[in-house]
Amino acid sequence: MTFIPPGLIVAVLLVLIVSQLCYAFLPYRRRAYIPILVMTAIGFGLGQLWDFLGLPSARLGQADLLPALVFALLLQPLARFVPRPNREPKEPESDQSNVRT
């Protein structure tokens, strides 16, 4: 536990909380949770990059808060472009060469 920085724990918790809030309250049609979680995590990563570059920000401990929230909210419309695996199994292809007529 001593090797994990506290800012990483706070950032992971904030990503989970903000992604749940975006999933529940943003007025988009039906959508999956995983793309929203991915876009929120990317937004928080961009917020941390913002802080790393030394640009002004509001922090919560070691985690950058304000730019991360802004990036996460701005990236939410792009969640529909995140590829997802199909839930329906593919039908086996019929091999016409083995069929007797």
PDB file of N, CA and C in Angstrom:
ATOM      1  N   MET A   1       0.802  -1.189   0.000  1.00  0.00           N
ATOM      2  CA  MET A   1       0.000   0.000   0.000  1.00  0.00           C
ATOM      3  C   MET A   1       0.857   1.270   0.000  1.00  0.00           C
ATOM      4  N   THR A   2       2.099   1.160   0.405  1.00  0.00           N
ATOM      5  CA  THR A   2       2.944   2.345   0.461  1.00  0.00           C
ATOM      6  C   THR A   2       3.441   2.762  -0.917  1.00  0.00           C
ATOM      7  N   PHE A   3       3.348   1.862  -1.900  1.00  0.00           N
ATOM      8  CA  PHE A   3       3.829   2.189  -3.234  1.00  0.00           C
ATOM      9  C   PHE A   3       2.776   2.892  -4.082  1.00  0.00           C
ATOM     10  N   ILE A   4       1.532   2.852  -3.675  1.00  0.00           N
ATOM     11  CA  ILE A   4       0.455   3.469  -4.440  1.00  0.00           C
ATOM     12  C   ILE A   4       0.293   4.917  -3.977  1.00  0.00           C
ATOM     13  N   PRO A   5       0.473   5.882  -4.875  1.00  0.00           N
ATOM     14  CA  PRO A   5       0.301   7.277  -4.459  1.00  0.00           C
ATOM     15  C   PRO A   5      -1.169   7.583  -4.157  1.00  0.00           C
ATOM     16  N   PRO A   6      -1.423   8.400  -3.150  1.00  0.00           N
ATOM     17  CA  PRO A   6      -2.808   8.722  -2.786  1.00  0.00           C
ATOM     18  C   PRO A   6      -3.572   9.412  -3.915  1.00  0.00           C
ATOM     19  N   GLY A   7      -2.878  10.172  -4.745  1.00  0.00           N
ATOM     20  CA  GLY A   7      -3.540  10.840  -5.860  1.00  0.00           C
ATOM     21  C   GLY A   7      -4.119   9.860  -6.858  1.00  0.00           C
ATOM     22  N   LEU A   8      -3.473   8.707  -7.025  1.00  0.00           N
ATOM     23  CA  LEU A   8      -3.983   7.688  -7.933  1.00  0.00           C
ATOM     24  C   LEU A   8      -5.277   7.077  -7.394  1.00  0.00           C
ATOM     25  N   ILE A   9      -5.319   6.836  -6.110  1.00  0.00           N
ATOM     26  CA  ILE A   9      -6.537   6.296  -5.499  1.00  0.00           C
ATOM     27  C   ILE A   9      -7.679   7.294  -5.615  1.00  0.00           C
ATOM     28  N   VAL A  10      -7.392   8.562  -5.342  1.00  0.00           N
ATOM     29  CA  VAL A  10      -8.425   9.599  -5.455  1.00  0.00           C
ATOM     30  C   VAL A  10      -8.888   9.733  -6.906  1.00  0.00           C
ATOM     31  N   ALA A  11      -7.958   9.675  -7.851  1.00  0.00           N
ATOM     32  CA  ALA A  11      -8.318   9.804  -9.269  1.00  0.00           C
ATOM     33  C   ALA A  11      -9.192   8.637  -9.726  1.00  0.00           C
ATOM     34  N   VAL A  12      -8.872   7.426  -9.312  1.00  0.00           N
ATOM     35  CA  VAL A  12      -9.685   6.264  -9.700  1.00  0.00           C
ATOM     36  C   VAL A  12     -11.089   6.379  -9.116  1.00  0.00           C
ATOM     37  N   LEU A  13     -11.181   6.780  -7.864  1.00  0.00           N
ATOM     38  CA  LEU A  13     -12.504   6.958  -7.252  1.00  0.00           C
ATOM     39  C   LEU A  13     -13.295   8.059  -7.949  1.00  0.00           C
ATOM     40  N   LEU A  14     -12.637   9.154  -8.309  1.00  0.00           N
ATOM     41  CA  LEU A  14     -13.327  10.239  -9.009  1.00  0.00           C
ATOM     42  C   LEU A  14     -13.783   9.811 -10.401  1.00  0.00           C
ATOM     43  N   VAL A  15     -12.968   9.015 -11.089  1.00  0.00           N
ATOM     44  CA  VAL A  15     -13.375   8.517 -12.407  1.00  0.00           C
ATOM     45  C   VAL A  15     -14.634   7.668 -12.271  1.00  0.00           C
ATOM     46  N   LEU A  16     -14.666   6.782 -11.288  1.00  0.00           N
ATOM     47  CA  LEU A  16     -15.842   5.935 -11.093  1.00  0.00           C
ATOM     48  C   LEU A  16     -17.080   6.746 -10.722  1.00  0.00           C
ATOM     49  N   ILE A  17     -16.905   7.721  -9.843  1.00  0.00           N
ATOM     50  CA  ILE A  17     -18.048   8.542  -9.417  1.00  0.00           C
ATOM     51  C   ILE A  17     -18.567   9.391 -10.572  1.00  0.00           C
ATOM     52  N   VAL A  18     -17.671  10.064 -11.290  1.00  0.00           N
ATOM     53  CA  VAL A  18     -18.095  10.949 -12.382  1.00  0.00           C
ATOM     54  C   VAL A  18     -18.702  10.142 -13.529  1.00  0.00           C
ATOM     55  N   SER A  19     -18.158   8.953 -13.820  1.00  0.00           N
ATOM     56  CA  SER A  19     -18.744   8.146 -14.894  1.00  0.00           C
ATOM     57  C   SER A  19     -20.149   7.682 -14.518  1.00  0.00           C
ATOM     58  N   GLN A  20     -20.371   7.353 -13.269  1.00  0.00           N
ATOM     59  CA  GLN A  20     -21.723   6.981 -12.834  1.00  0.00           C
ATOM     60  C   GLN A  20     -22.681   8.171 -12.936  1.00  0.00           C
ATOM     61  N   LEU A  21     -22.215   9.350 -12.561  1.00  0.00           N
ATOM     62  CA  LEU A  21     -23.062  10.544 -12.658  1.00  0.00           C
ATOM     63  C   LEU A  21     -23.364  10.894 -14.115  1.00  0.00           C
ATOM     64  N   CYS A  22     -22.371  10.757 -14.988  1.00  0.00           N
ATOM     65  CA  CYS A  22     -22.610  11.016 -16.415  1.00  0.00           C
ATOM     66  C   CYS A  22     -23.593  10.005 -16.989  1.00  0.00           C
ATOM     67  N   TYR A  23     -23.457   8.758 -16.599  1.00  0.00           N
ATOM     68  CA  TYR A  23     -24.348   7.713 -17.092  1.00  0.00           C
ATOM     69  C   TYR A  23     -25.785   7.954 -16.621  1.00  0.00           C
ATOM     70  N   ALA A  24     -25.929   8.442 -15.407  1.00  0.00           N
ATOM     71  CA  ALA A  24     -27.265   8.610 -14.840  1.00  0.00           C
ATOM     72  C   ALA A  24     -27.943   9.906 -15.285  1.00  0.00           C
ATOM     73  N   PHE A  25     -27.192  10.995 -15.425  1.00  0.00           N
ATOM     74  CA  PHE A  25     -27.840  12.293 -15.573  1.00  0.00           C
ATOM     75  C   PHE A  25     -27.695  12.976 -16.930  1.00  0.00           C
ATOM     76  N   LEU A  26     -26.753  12.575 -17.759  1.00  0.00           N
ATOM     77  CA  LEU A  26     -26.630  13.248 -19.051  1.00  0.00           C
ATOM     78  C   LEU A  26     -27.740  12.797 -19.990  1.00  0.00           C
ATOM     79  N   PRO A  27     -28.343  13.735 -20.710  1.00  0.00           N
ATOM     80  CA  PRO A  27     -29.526  13.409 -21.521  1.00  0.00           C
ATOM     81  C   PRO A  27     -29.180  12.807 -22.885  1.00  0.00           C
ATOM     82  N   TYR A  28     -28.633  11.612 -22.880  1.00  0.00           N
ATOM     83  CA  TYR A  28     -28.379  10.900 -24.127  1.00  0.00           C
ATOM     84  C   TYR A  28     -29.314   9.706 -24.177  1.00  0.00           C
ATOM     85  N   ARG A  29     -29.516   9.204 -25.377  1.00  0.00           N
ATOM     86  CA  ARG A  29     -30.360   8.025 -25.485  1.00  0.00           C
ATOM     87  C   ARG A  29     -29.653   6.825 -24.864  1.00  0.00           C
ATOM     88  N   ARG A  30     -30.266   5.697 -24.933  1.00  0.00           N
ATOM     89  CA  ARG A  30     -29.729   4.502 -24.311  1.00  0.00           C
ATOM     90  C   ARG A  30     -28.297   4.239 -24.747  1.00  0.00           C
ATOM     91  N   ARG A  31     -27.445   3.904 -23.791  1.00  0.00           N
ATOM     92  CA  ARG A  31     -26.044   3.670 -24.113  1.00  0.00           C
ATOM     93  C   ARG A  31     -25.439   2.713 -23.099  1.00  0.00           C
ATOM     94  N   ALA A  32     -24.294   2.173 -23.436  1.00  0.00           N
ATOM     95  CA  ALA A  32     -23.579   1.251 -22.553  1.00  0.00           C
ATOM     96  C   ALA A  32     -22.714   2.046 -21.576  1.00  0.00           C
ATOM     97  N   TYR A  33     -22.400   1.416 -20.450  1.00  0.00           N
ATOM     98  CA  TYR A  33     -21.632   2.092 -19.411  1.00  0.00           C
ATOM     99  C   TYR A  33     -20.132   2.119 -19.723  1.00  0.00           C
ATOM    100  N   ILE A  34     -19.610   1.071 -20.319  1.00  0.00           N
ATOM    101  CA  ILE A  34     -18.157   0.972 -20.544  1.00  0.00           C
ATOM    102  C   ILE A  34     -17.624   2.124 -21.401  1.00  0.00           C
ATOM    103  N   PRO A  35     -18.273   2.512 -22.512  1.00  0.00           N
ATOM    104  CA  PRO A  35     -17.738   3.663 -23.265  1.00  0.00           C
ATOM    105  C   PRO A  35     -17.739   4.959 -22.449  1.00  0.00           C
ATOM    106  N   ILE A  36     -18.719   5.128 -21.595  1.00  0.00           N
ATOM    107  CA  ILE A  36     -18.745   6.325 -20.746  1.00  0.00           C
ATOM    108  C   ILE A  36     -17.599   6.285 -19.747  1.00  0.00           C
ATOM    109  N   LEU A  37     -17.329   5.114 -19.193  1.00  0.00           N
ATOM    110  CA  LEU A  37     -16.214   4.956 -18.265  1.00  0.00           C
ATOM    111  C   LEU A  37     -14.887   5.225 -18.970  1.00  0.00           C
ATOM    112  N   VAL A  38     -14.746   4.747 -20.203  1.00  0.00           N
ATOM    113  CA  VAL A  38     -13.512   4.973 -20.967  1.00  0.00           C
ATOM    114  C   VAL A  38     -13.313   6.464 -21.244  1.00  0.00           C
ATOM    115  N   MET A  39     -14.360   7.140 -21.687  1.00  0.00           N
ATOM    116  CA  MET A  39     -14.238   8.577 -21.975  1.00  0.00           C
ATOM    117  C   MET A  39     -13.971   9.387 -20.702  1.00  0.00           C
ATOM    118  N   THR A  40     -14.559   8.981 -19.591  1.00  0.00           N
ATOM    119  CA  THR A  40     -14.293   9.676 -18.329  1.00  0.00           C
ATOM    120  C   THR A  40     -12.840   9.474 -17.904  1.00  0.00           C
ATOM    121  N   ALA A  41     -12.331   8.262 -18.050  1.00  0.00           N
ATOM    122  CA  ALA A  41     -10.937   7.998 -17.696  1.00  0.00           C
ATOM    123  C   ALA A  41      -9.983   8.786 -18.600  1.00  0.00           C
ATOM    124  N   ILE A  42     -10.298   8.869 -19.889  1.00  0.00           N
ATOM    125  CA  ILE A  42      -9.471   9.671 -20.802  1.00  0.00           C
ATOM    126  C   ILE A  42      -9.531  11.145 -20.408  1.00  0.00           C
ATOM    127  N   GLY A  43     -10.723  11.616 -20.041  1.00  0.00           N
ATOM    128  CA  GLY A  43     -10.863  13.003 -19.597  1.00  0.00           C
ATOM    129  C   GLY A  43     -10.032  13.303 -18.361  1.00  0.00           C
ATOM    130  N   PHE A  44     -10.038  12.377 -17.408  1.00  0.00           N
ATOM    131  CA  PHE A  44      -9.227  12.589 -16.208  1.00  0.00           C
ATOM    132  C   PHE A  44      -7.739  12.487 -16.536  1.00  0.00           C
ATOM    133  N   GLY A  45      -7.381  11.637 -17.490  1.00  0.00           N
ATOM    134  CA  GLY A  45      -5.987  11.586 -17.930  1.00  0.00           C
ATOM    135  C   GLY A  45      -5.550  12.890 -18.568  1.00  0.00           C
ATOM    136  N   LEU A  46      -6.418  13.472 -19.388  1.00  0.00           N
ATOM    137  CA  LEU A  46      -6.110  14.783 -19.986  1.00  0.00           C
ATOM    138  C   LEU A  46      -6.027  15.866 -18.912  1.00  0.00           C
ATOM    139  N   GLY A  47      -6.859  15.758 -17.887  1.00  0.00           N
ATOM    140  CA  GLY A  47      -6.782  16.712 -16.772  1.00  0.00           C
ATOM    141  C   GLY A  47      -5.468  16.596 -16.022  1.00  0.00           C
ATOM    142  N   GLN A  48      -4.979  15.368 -15.850  1.00  0.00           N
ATOM    143  CA  GLN A  48      -3.682  15.185 -15.201  1.00  0.00           C
ATOM    144  C   GLN A  48      -2.551  15.721 -16.085  1.00  0.00           C
ATOM    145  N   LEU A  49      -2.691  15.550 -17.395  1.00  0.00           N
ATOM    146  CA  LEU A  49      -1.711  16.119 -18.321  1.00  0.00           C
ATOM    147  C   LEU A  49      -1.724  17.643 -18.236  1.00  0.00           C
ATOM    148  N   TRP A  50      -2.906  18.213 -18.115  1.00  0.00           N
ATOM    149  CA  TRP A  50      -3.061  19.664 -17.937  1.00  0.00           C
ATOM    150  C   TRP A  50      -2.273  20.113 -16.717  1.00  0.00           C
ATOM    151  N   ASP A  51      -2.405  19.369 -15.624  1.00  0.00           N
ATOM    152  CA  ASP A  51      -1.698  19.705 -14.388  1.00  0.00           C
ATOM    153  C   ASP A  51      -0.193  19.496 -14.553  1.00  0.00           C
ATOM    154  N   PHE A  52       0.204  18.441 -15.266  1.00  0.00           N
ATOM    155  CA  PHE A  52       1.616  18.161 -15.489  1.00  0.00           C
ATOM    156  C   PHE A  52       2.284  19.278 -16.287  1.00  0.00           C
ATOM    157  N   LEU A  53       1.531  19.868 -17.222  1.00  0.00           N
ATOM    158  CA  LEU A  53       2.074  20.975 -18.015  1.00  0.00           C
ATOM    159  C   LEU A  53       2.164  22.277 -17.228  1.00  0.00           C
ATOM    160  N   GLY A  54       1.614  22.294 -16.022  1.00  0.00           N
ATOM    161  CA  GLY A  54       1.714  23.462 -15.162  1.00  0.00           C
ATOM    162  C   GLY A  54       0.662  24.516 -15.414  1.00  0.00           C
ATOM    163  N   LEU A  55      -0.405  24.159 -16.102  1.00  0.00           N
ATOM    164  CA  LEU A  55      -1.483  25.108 -16.360  1.00  0.00           C
ATOM    165  C   LEU A  55      -2.352  25.241 -15.103  1.00  0.00           C
ATOM    166  N   PRO A  56      -3.060  26.345 -14.944  1.00  0.00           N
ATOM    167  CA  PRO A  56      -3.832  26.550 -13.720  1.00  0.00           C
ATOM    168  C   PRO A  56      -4.956  25.521 -13.578  1.00  0.00           C
ATOM    169  N   SER A  57      -5.166  25.085 -12.334  1.00  0.00           N
ATOM    170  CA  SER A  57      -6.176  24.058 -12.097  1.00  0.00           C
ATOM    171  C   SER A  57      -6.617  24.067 -10.644  1.00  0.00           C
ATOM    172  N   ALA A  58      -7.713  23.386 -10.377  1.00  0.00           N
ATOM    173  CA  ALA A  58      -8.182  23.165  -9.009  1.00  0.00           C
ATOM    174  C   ALA A  58      -7.879  21.720  -8.659  1.00  0.00           C
ATOM    175  N   ARG A  59      -7.242  21.509  -7.535  1.00  0.00           N
ATOM    176  CA  ARG A  59      -6.798  20.171  -7.170  1.00  0.00           C
ATOM    177  C   ARG A  59      -7.564  19.652  -5.964  1.00  0.00           C
ATOM    178  N   LEU A  60      -7.677  18.336  -5.904  1.00  0.00           N
ATOM    179  CA  LEU A  60      -8.218  17.644  -4.737  1.00  0.00           C
ATOM    180  C   LEU A  60      -7.136  16.669  -4.298  1.00  0.00           C
ATOM    181  N   GLY A  61      -6.321  17.085  -3.348  1.00  0.00           N
ATOM    182  CA  GLY A  61      -5.145  16.298  -2.977  1.00  0.00           C
ATOM    183  C   GLY A  61      -4.140  16.346  -4.109  1.00  0.00           C
ATOM    184  N   GLN A  62      -3.727  15.184  -4.590  1.00  0.00           N
ATOM    185  CA  GLN A  62      -2.798  15.127  -5.717  1.00  0.00           C
ATOM    186  C   GLN A  62      -3.524  15.016  -7.048  1.00  0.00           C
ATOM    187  N   ALA A  63      -4.821  14.835  -7.019  1.00  0.00           N
ATOM    188  CA  ALA A  63      -5.589  14.675  -8.260  1.00  0.00           C
ATOM    189  C   ALA A  63      -6.089  16.035  -8.739  1.00  0.00           C
ATOM    190  N   ASP A  64      -5.939  16.261 -10.020  1.00  0.00           N
ATOM    191  CA  ASP A  64      -6.427  17.485 -10.644  1.00  0.00           C
ATOM    192  C   ASP A  64      -7.932  17.345 -10.860  1.00  0.00           C
ATOM    193  N   LEU A  65      -8.701  18.346 -10.458  1.00  0.00           N
ATOM    194  CA  LEU A  65     -10.146  18.165 -10.453  1.00  0.00           C
ATOM    195  C   LEU A  65     -10.866  18.935 -11.553  1.00  0.00           C
ATOM    196  N   LEU A  66     -10.683  20.236 -11.618  1.00  0.00           N
ATOM    197  CA  LEU A  66     -11.503  21.048 -12.516  1.00  0.00           C
ATOM    198  C   LEU A  66     -11.264  20.765 -14.001  1.00  0.00           C
ATOM    199  N   PRO A  67     -10.031  20.802 -14.511  1.00  0.00           N
ATOM    200  CA  PRO A  67      -9.860  20.470 -15.930  1.00  0.00           C
ATOM    201  C   PRO A  67     -10.256  19.022 -16.246  1.00  0.00           C
ATOM    202  N   ALA A  68     -10.043  18.117 -15.285  1.00  0.00           N
ATOM    203  CA  ALA A  68     -10.423  16.722 -15.514  1.00  0.00           C
ATOM    204  C   ALA A  68     -11.928  16.587 -15.689  1.00  0.00           C
ATOM    205  N   LEU A  69     -12.700  17.288 -14.868  1.00  0.00           N
ATOM    206  CA  LEU A  69     -14.158  17.255 -15.016  1.00  0.00           C
ATOM    207  C   LEU A  69     -14.598  17.870 -16.336  1.00  0.00           C
ATOM    208  N   VAL A  70     -13.962  18.956 -16.720  1.00  0.00           N
ATOM    209  CA  VAL A  70     -14.315  19.613 -17.984  1.00  0.00           C
ATOM    210  C   VAL A  70     -14.012  18.691 -19.167  1.00  0.00           C
ATOM    211  N   PHE A  71     -12.817  18.089 -19.168  1.00  0.00           N
ATOM    212  CA  PHE A  71     -12.465  17.170 -20.257  1.00  0.00           C
ATOM    213  C   PHE A  71     -13.389  15.963 -20.276  1.00  0.00           C
ATOM    214  N   ALA A  72     -13.708  15.423 -19.107  1.00  0.00           N
ATOM    215  CA  ALA A  72     -14.586  14.243 -19.051  1.00  0.00           C
ATOM    216  C   ALA A  72     -15.970  14.571 -19.594  1.00  0.00           C
ATOM    217  N   LEU A  73     -16.501  15.730 -19.258  1.00  0.00           N
ATOM    218  CA  LEU A  73     -17.820  16.113 -19.762  1.00  0.00           C
ATOM    219  C   LEU A  73     -17.796  16.414 -21.254  1.00  0.00           C
ATOM    220  N   LEU A  74     -16.719  17.037 -21.736  1.00  0.00           N
ATOM    221  CA  LEU A  74     -16.633  17.343 -23.163  1.00  0.00           C
ATOM    222  C   LEU A  74     -16.449  16.088 -24.022  1.00  0.00           C
ATOM    223  N   LEU A  75     -15.876  15.037 -23.465  1.00  0.00           N
ATOM    224  CA  LEU A  75     -15.642  13.818 -24.228  1.00  0.00           C
ATOM    225  C   LEU A  75     -16.843  12.869 -24.223  1.00  0.00           C
ATOM    226  N   GLN A  76     -17.849  13.124 -23.402  1.00  0.00           N
ATOM    227  CA  GLN A  76     -18.979  12.202 -23.304  1.00  0.00           C
ATOM    228  C   GLN A  76     -19.731  12.002 -24.626  1.00  0.00           C
ATOM    229  N   PRO A  77     -19.928  13.019 -25.469  1.00  0.00           N
ATOM    230  CA  PRO A  77     -20.602  12.749 -26.747  1.00  0.00           C
ATOM    231  C   PRO A  77     -19.828  11.786 -27.652  1.00  0.00           C
ATOM    232  N   LEU A  78     -18.529  11.635 -27.426  1.00  0.00           N
ATOM    233  CA  LEU A  78     -17.731  10.725 -28.240  1.00  0.00           C
ATOM    234  C   LEU A  78     -17.814   9.276 -27.761  1.00  0.00           C
ATOM    235  N   ALA A  79     -18.517   9.029 -26.671  1.00  0.00           N
ATOM    236  CA  ALA A  79     -18.601   7.674 -26.116  1.00  0.00           C
ATOM    237  C   ALA A  79     -19.284   6.714 -27.081  1.00  0.00           C
ATOM    238  N   ARG A  80     -20.130   7.218 -27.938  1.00  0.00           N
ATOM    239  CA  ARG A  80     -20.819   6.317 -28.864  1.00  0.00           C
ATOM    240  C   ARG A  80     -19.890   5.773 -29.945  1.00  0.00           C
ATOM    241  N   PHE A  81     -18.702   6.338 -30.105  1.00  0.00           N
ATOM    242  CA  PHE A  81     -17.752   5.859 -31.101  1.00  0.00           C
ATOM    243  C   PHE A  81     -16.758   4.849 -30.542  1.00  0.00           C
ATOM    244  N   VAL A  82     -16.823   4.565 -29.249  1.00  0.00           N
ATOM    245  CA  VAL A  82     -15.933   3.576 -28.657  1.00  0.00           C
ATOM    246  C   VAL A  82     -16.393   2.196 -29.101  1.00  0.00           C
ATOM    247  N   PRO A  83     -15.504   1.397 -29.711  1.00  0.00           N
ATOM    248  CA  PRO A  83     -15.936   0.075 -30.189  1.00  0.00           C
ATOM    249  C   PRO A  83     -16.276  -0.847 -29.028  1.00  0.00           C
ATOM    250  N   ARG A  84     -17.336  -1.617 -29.215  1.00  0.00           N
ATOM    251  CA  ARG A  84     -17.769  -2.592 -28.216  1.00  0.00           C
ATOM    252  C   ARG A  84     -17.904  -3.948 -28.882  1.00  0.00           C
ATOM    253  N   PRO A  85     -17.631  -5.017 -28.145  1.00  0.00           N
ATOM    254  CA  PRO A  85     -17.831  -6.347 -28.738  1.00  0.00           C
ATOM    255  C   PRO A  85     -19.320  -6.639 -28.883  1.00  0.00           C
ATOM    256  N   ASN A  86     -19.662  -7.400 -29.917  1.00  0.00           N
ATOM    257  CA  ASN A  86     -21.054  -7.785 -30.118  1.00  0.00           C
ATOM    258  C   ASN A  86     -21.450  -8.841 -29.102  1.00  0.00           C
ATOM    259  N   ARG A  87     -22.661  -8.736 -28.595  1.00  0.00           N
ATOM    260  CA  ARG A  87     -23.138  -9.721 -27.635  1.00  0.00           C
ATOM    261  C   ARG A  87     -23.728 -10.943 -28.322  1.00  0.00           C
ATOM    262  N   GLU A  88     -24.144 -10.790 -29.555  1.00  0.00           N
ATOM    263  CA  GLU A  88     -24.755 -11.901 -30.272  1.00  0.00           C
ATOM    264  C   GLU A  88     -23.663 -12.731 -30.939  1.00  0.00           C
ATOM    265  N   PRO A  89     -23.706 -14.056 -30.767  1.00  0.00           N
ATOM    266  CA  PRO A  89     -22.687 -14.885 -31.418  1.00  0.00           C
ATOM    267  C   PRO A  89     -22.923 -14.946 -32.918  1.00  0.00           C
ATOM    268  N   LYS A  90     -21.839 -15.081 -33.643  1.00  0.00           N
ATOM    269  CA  LYS A  90     -21.943 -15.179 -35.097  1.00  0.00           C
ATOM    270  C   LYS A  90     -22.463 -16.557 -35.482  1.00  0.00           C
ATOM    271  N   GLU A  91     -23.236 -16.580 -36.526  1.00  0.00           N
ATOM    272  CA  GLU A  91     -23.717 -17.857 -37.035  1.00  0.00           C
ATOM    273  C   GLU A  91     -22.586 -18.523 -37.808  1.00  0.00           C
ATOM    274  N   PRO A  92     -22.479 -19.844 -37.708  1.00  0.00           N
ATOM    275  CA  PRO A  92     -21.423 -20.514 -38.469  1.00  0.00           C
ATOM    276  C   PRO A  92     -21.702 -20.411 -39.960  1.00  0.00           C
ATOM    277  N   GLU A  93     -20.637 -20.233 -40.699  1.00  0.00           N
ATOM    278  CA  GLU A  93     -20.779 -20.127 -42.151  1.00  0.00           C
ATOM    279  C   GLU A  93     -21.041 -21.508 -42.724  1.00  0.00           C
ATOM    280  N   SER A  94     -21.980 -21.578 -43.648  1.00  0.00           N
ATOM    281  CA  SER A  94     -22.277 -22.868 -44.264  1.00  0.00           C
ATOM    282  C   SER A  94     -21.302 -23.102 -45.409  1.00  0.00           C
ATOM    283  N   ASP A  95     -20.727 -24.282 -45.427  1.00  0.00           N
ATOM    284  CA  ASP A  95     -19.765 -24.635 -46.465  1.00  0.00           C
ATOM    285  C   ASP A  95     -20.521 -25.395 -47.553  1.00  0.00           C
ATOM    286  N   GLN A  96     -20.701 -24.775 -48.704  1.00  0.00           N
ATOM    287  CA  GLN A  96     -21.488 -25.340 -49.786  1.00  0.00           C
ATOM    288  C   GLN A  96     -20.776 -26.487 -50.494  1.00  0.00           C
ATOM    289  N   SER A  97     -19.472 -26.646 -50.307  1.00  0.00           N
ATOM    290  CA  SER A  97     -18.742 -27.695 -51.021  1.00  0.00           C
ATOM    291  C   SER A  97     -19.031 -29.077 -50.448  1.00  0.00           C
ATOM    292  N   ASN A  98     -19.454 -29.178 -49.203  1.00  0.00           N
ATOM    293  CA  ASN A  98     -19.715 -30.467 -48.576  1.00  0.00           C
ATOM    294  C   ASN A  98     -21.181 -30.882 -48.653  1.00  0.00           C
ATOM    295  N   VAL A  99     -22.013 -30.080 -49.234  1.00  0.00           N
ATOM    296  CA  VAL A  99     -23.448 -30.369 -49.296  1.00  0.00           C
ATOM    297  C   VAL A  99     -23.726 -31.247 -50.511  1.00  0.00           C
ATOM    298  N   ARG A 100     -24.443 -32.376 -50.291  1.00  0.00           N
ATOM    299  CA  ARG A 100     -24.801 -33.261 -51.410  1.00  0.00           C
ATOM    300  C   ARG A 100     -26.155 -32.861 -51.950  1.00  0.00           C
ATOM    301  N   THR A 101     -26.287 -32.875 -53.248  1.00  0.00           N
ATOM    302  CA  THR A 101     -27.583 -32.546 -53.868  1.00  0.00           C
ATOM    303  C   THR A 101     -28.141 -33.705 -54.631  1.00  0.00           C
TER     304      THR A 101
END
